[in-house]
């Protein structure tokens, strides 16, 4: 009876390990997707910030020209 338990235990260990690794791979893939989304959001925010800053600078310079002219 005891000799028969060892192969069963080995099978259980292999199955548990398989599902644990599968779950970890899925979690890793999810985290990588989230990171990619966050990087894209950051890039978009930086682009918007740069565009807004450039536009405000143009408005300021044009306003100064109008005041002089």
C-alpha atoms as a PDB file:
ATOM      1  CA  UNK A   1       0.000   0.000   0.000  1.00  0.00           C
ATOM      2  CA  UNK A   2       2.796   2.407   0.903  1.00  0.00           C
ATOM      3  CA  UNK A   3       4.666   1.725  -2.346  1.00  0.00           C
ATOM      4  CA  UNK A   4       1.537   2.594  -4.325  1.00  0.00           C
ATOM      5  CA  UNK A   5       1.236   5.969  -2.578  1.00  0.00           C
ATOM      6  CA  UNK A   6       4.583   7.252  -3.880  1.00  0.00           C
ATOM      7  CA  UNK A   7       3.574   7.324  -7.573  1.00  0.00           C
ATOM      8  CA  UNK A   8       0.262   8.966  -6.673  1.00  0.00           C
ATOM      9  CA  UNK A   9       2.040  11.595  -4.620  1.00  0.00           C
ATOM     10  CA  UNK A  10       4.448  12.236  -7.488  1.00  0.00           C
ATOM     11  CA  UNK A  11       1.511  12.704  -9.863  1.00  0.00           C
ATOM     12  CA  UNK A  12      -0.151  15.130  -7.459  1.00  0.00           C
ATOM     13  CA  UNK A  13       3.085  17.099  -7.128  1.00  0.00           C
ATOM     14  CA  UNK A  14       3.502  17.272 -10.907  1.00  0.00           C
ATOM     15  CA  UNK A  15      -0.113  18.375 -11.421  1.00  0.00           C
ATOM     16  CA  UNK A  16       0.073  21.016  -8.681  1.00  0.00           C
ATOM     17  CA  UNK A  17       3.348  22.321 -10.067  1.00  0.00           C
ATOM     18  CA  UNK A  18       1.946  22.433 -13.605  1.00  0.00           C
ATOM     19  CA  UNK A  19      -1.080  24.492 -12.567  1.00  0.00           C
ATOM     20  CA  UNK A  20       0.993  26.726 -10.313  1.00  0.00           C
ATOM     21  CA  UNK A  21       3.406  27.498 -13.131  1.00  0.00           C
ATOM     22  CA  UNK A  22       0.520  28.063 -15.526  1.00  0.00           C
ATOM     23  CA  UNK A  23      -1.078  30.514 -13.106  1.00  0.00           C
ATOM     24  CA  UNK A  24       2.262  32.309 -12.647  1.00  0.00           C
ATOM     25  CA  UNK A  25       2.750  32.565 -16.431  1.00  0.00           C
ATOM     26  CA  UNK A  26      -0.754  34.017 -16.785  1.00  0.00           C
ATOM     27  CA  UNK A  27      -0.055  36.517 -13.999  1.00  0.00           C
ATOM     28  CA  UNK A  28       3.240  37.489 -15.626  1.00  0.00           C
ATOM     29  CA  UNK A  29       1.524  38.004 -18.987  1.00  0.00           C
ATOM     30  CA  UNK A  30      -1.133  40.146 -17.286  1.00  0.00           C
ATOM     31  CA  UNK A  31       1.509  42.248 -15.551  1.00  0.00           C
ATOM     32  CA  UNK A  32       3.406  42.696 -18.825  1.00  0.00           C
ATOM     33  CA  UNK A  33       0.184  43.860 -20.544  1.00  0.00           C
ATOM     34  CA  UNK A  34      -0.492  46.311 -17.719  1.00  0.00           C
ATOM     35  CA  UNK A  35       3.071  47.626 -17.896  1.00  0.00           C
ATOM     36  CA  UNK A  36       2.780  48.151 -21.650  1.00  0.00           C
ATOM     37  CA  UNK A  37      -0.495  50.037 -21.168  1.00  0.00           C
ATOM     38  CA  UNK A  38       1.036  52.195 -18.448  1.00  0.00           C
ATOM     39  CA  UNK A  39       4.044  52.974 -20.653  1.00  0.00           C
ATOM     40  CA  UNK A  40       1.712  54.007 -23.483  1.00  0.00           C
ATOM     41  CA  UNK A  41      -0.316  56.193 -21.118  1.00  0.00           C
ATOM     42  CA  UNK A  42       2.866  57.835 -19.877  1.00  0.00           C
ATOM     43  CA  UNK A  43       4.047  58.451 -23.435  1.00  0.00           C
ATOM     44  CA  UNK A  44       0.715  60.011 -24.384  1.00  0.00           C
ATOM     45  CA  UNK A  45       0.725  62.187 -21.247  1.00  0.00           C
ATOM     46  CA  UNK A  46       4.260  63.377 -22.026  1.00  0.00           C
ATOM     47  CA  UNK A  47       3.307  64.172 -25.626  1.00  0.00           C
ATOM     48  CA  UNK A  48       0.234  66.112 -24.465  1.00  0.00           C
ATOM     49  CA  UNK A  49       2.301  67.975 -21.886  1.00  0.00           C
ATOM     50  CA  UNK A  50       4.913  68.911 -24.490  1.00  0.00           C
ATOM     51  CA  UNK A  51       2.263  70.039 -26.990  1.00  0.00           C
ATOM     52  CA  UNK A  52       0.436  72.081 -24.383  1.00  0.00           C
ATOM     53  CA  UNK A  53       3.656  73.732 -23.248  1.00  0.00           C
ATOM     54  CA  UNK A  54       4.612  74.588 -26.828  1.00  0.00           C
ATOM     55  CA  UNK A  55       1.141  75.994 -27.528  1.00  0.00           C
ATOM     56  CA  UNK A  56       1.161  78.120 -24.400  1.00  0.00           C
ATOM     57  CA  UNK A  57       4.608  79.456 -25.277  1.00  0.00           C
ATOM     58  CA  UNK A  58       3.352  80.389 -28.769  1.00  0.00           C
ATOM     59  CA  UNK A  59       0.319  82.136 -27.265  1.00  0.00           C
ATOM     60  CA  UNK A  60       2.524  84.064 -24.847  1.00  0.00           C
ATOM     61  CA  UNK A  61       4.918  85.156 -27.596  1.00  0.00           C
ATOM     62  CA  UNK A  62       2.056  86.194 -29.885  1.00  0.00           C
ATOM     63  CA  UNK A  63       0.477  88.140 -27.019  1.00  0.00           C
ATOM     64  CA  UNK A  64       3.749  89.966 -26.429  1.00  0.00           C
ATOM     65  CA  UNK A  65       3.999  90.778 -30.134  1.00  0.00           C
ATOM     66  CA  UNK A  66       0.439  92.151 -30.132  1.00  0.00           C
ATOM     67  CA  UNK A  67       1.183  94.331 -27.104  1.00  0.00           C
ATOM     68  CA  UNK A  68       4.287  95.761 -28.801  1.00  0.00           C
ATOM     69  CA  UNK A  69       2.675  96.236 -32.165  1.00  0.00           C
END
